[in-house]
Amino acid sequence: MLKYSIIFLIIAIVAAVLGFGGIAGTAAGISKILFFVFLVLFVISLIFGRKR
């Protein structure tokens, strides 16, 4: 999921450089959502991970 977040961030940067503001904003928003979902799932996996 972090991989997709980084991909959308790169798409947003490239679109912003080329002047496509709407696409850049949408891709940045998707990237932000995916990053926060990744963080939540990461914290949950740390808390409820494998018990030794």
C-alpha atoms as a PDB file:
ATOM      1  CA  MET A   1       0.000   0.000   0.000  1.00  0.00           C
ATOM      2  CA  LEU A   2       2.892   2.324   0.692  1.00  0.00           C
ATOM      3  CA  LYS A   3       4.116   1.565  -2.830  1.00  0.00           C
ATOM      4  CA  TYR A   4       0.849   2.815  -4.340  1.00  0.00           C
ATOM      5  CA  SER A   5       0.940   5.911  -2.160  1.00  0.00           C
ATOM      6  CA  ILE A   6       4.412   6.774  -3.473  1.00  0.00           C
ATOM      7  CA  ILE A   7       3.307   6.096  -7.068  1.00  0.00           C
ATOM      8  CA  PHE A   8       0.357   8.490  -6.725  1.00  0.00           C
ATOM      9  CA  LEU A   9       2.639  11.084  -5.131  1.00  0.00           C
ATOM     10  CA  ILE A  10       5.012  10.888  -8.105  1.00  0.00           C
ATOM     11  CA  ILE A  11       2.066  11.174 -10.499  1.00  0.00           C
ATOM     12  CA  ALA A  12       0.896  14.259  -8.596  1.00  0.00           C
ATOM     13  CA  ILE A  13       4.336  15.886  -8.784  1.00  0.00           C
ATOM     14  CA  VAL A  14       4.695  15.196 -12.510  1.00  0.00           C
ATOM     15  CA  ALA A  15       1.171  16.456 -13.218  1.00  0.00           C
ATOM     16  CA  ALA A  16       1.810  19.622 -11.198  1.00  0.00           C
ATOM     17  CA  VAL A  17       5.041  20.307 -13.077  1.00  0.00           C
ATOM     18  CA  LEU A  18       3.230  19.869 -16.395  1.00  0.00           C
ATOM     19  CA  GLY A  19       0.414  22.187 -15.299  1.00  0.00           C
ATOM     20  CA  PHE A  20      -2.426  19.740 -14.743  1.00  0.00           C
ATOM     21  CA  GLY A  21      -3.705  21.093 -11.442  1.00  0.00           C
ATOM     22  CA  GLY A  22      -6.872  19.014 -11.173  1.00  0.00           C
ATOM     23  CA  ILE A  23      -5.120  15.742 -11.798  1.00  0.00           C
ATOM     24  CA  ALA A  24      -2.302  16.719  -9.443  1.00  0.00           C
ATOM     25  CA  GLY A  25      -4.742  17.571  -6.658  1.00  0.00           C
ATOM     26  CA  THR A  26      -6.671  14.344  -7.091  1.00  0.00           C
ATOM     27  CA  ALA A  27      -3.525  12.202  -7.160  1.00  0.00           C
ATOM     28  CA  ALA A  28      -2.162  13.990  -4.092  1.00  0.00           C
ATOM     29  CA  GLY A  29      -5.436  13.385  -2.254  1.00  0.00           C
ATOM     30  CA  ILE A  30      -5.416   9.696  -3.134  1.00  0.00           C
ATOM     31  CA  SER A  31      -1.785   9.470  -2.068  1.00  0.00           C
ATOM     32  CA  LYS A  32      -2.588  11.079   1.277  1.00  0.00           C
ATOM     33  CA  ILE A  33      -5.509   8.709   1.921  1.00  0.00           C
ATOM     34  CA  LEU A  34      -3.462   5.633   1.029  1.00  0.00           C
ATOM     35  CA  PHE A  35      -0.623   6.776   3.276  1.00  0.00           C
ATOM     36  CA  PHE A  36      -2.910   7.206   6.281  1.00  0.00           C
ATOM     37  CA  VAL A  37      -4.544   3.827   5.647  1.00  0.00           C
ATOM     38  CA  PHE A  38      -1.043   2.327   5.527  1.00  0.00           C
ATOM     39  CA  LEU A  39      -0.171   3.980   8.852  1.00  0.00           C
ATOM     40  CA  VAL A  40      -3.338   2.700  10.527  1.00  0.00           C
ATOM     41  CA  LEU A  41      -2.781  -0.842   9.274  1.00  0.00           C
ATOM     42  CA  PHE A  42       0.877  -0.699  10.319  1.00  0.00           C
ATOM     43  CA  VAL A  43      -0.002   0.370  13.865  1.00  0.00           C
ATOM     44  CA  ILE A  44      -2.698  -2.304  14.095  1.00  0.00           C
ATOM     45  CA  SER A  45      -0.247  -4.943  12.939  1.00  0.00           C
ATOM     46  CA  LEU A  46       2.270  -3.765  15.533  1.00  0.00           C
ATOM     47  CA  ILE A  47      -0.297  -4.005  18.316  1.00  0.00           C
ATOM     48  CA  PHE A  48      -1.935  -7.278  17.284  1.00  0.00           C
ATOM     49  CA  GLY A  49       1.098  -8.856  15.614  1.00  0.00           C
ATOM     50  CA  ARG A  50       2.553 -12.265  16.281  1.00  0.00           C
ATOM     51  CA  LYS A  51       2.920 -13.156  19.907  1.00  0.00           C
ATOM     52  CA  ARG A  52       5.991 -15.119  20.906  1.00  0.00           C
END
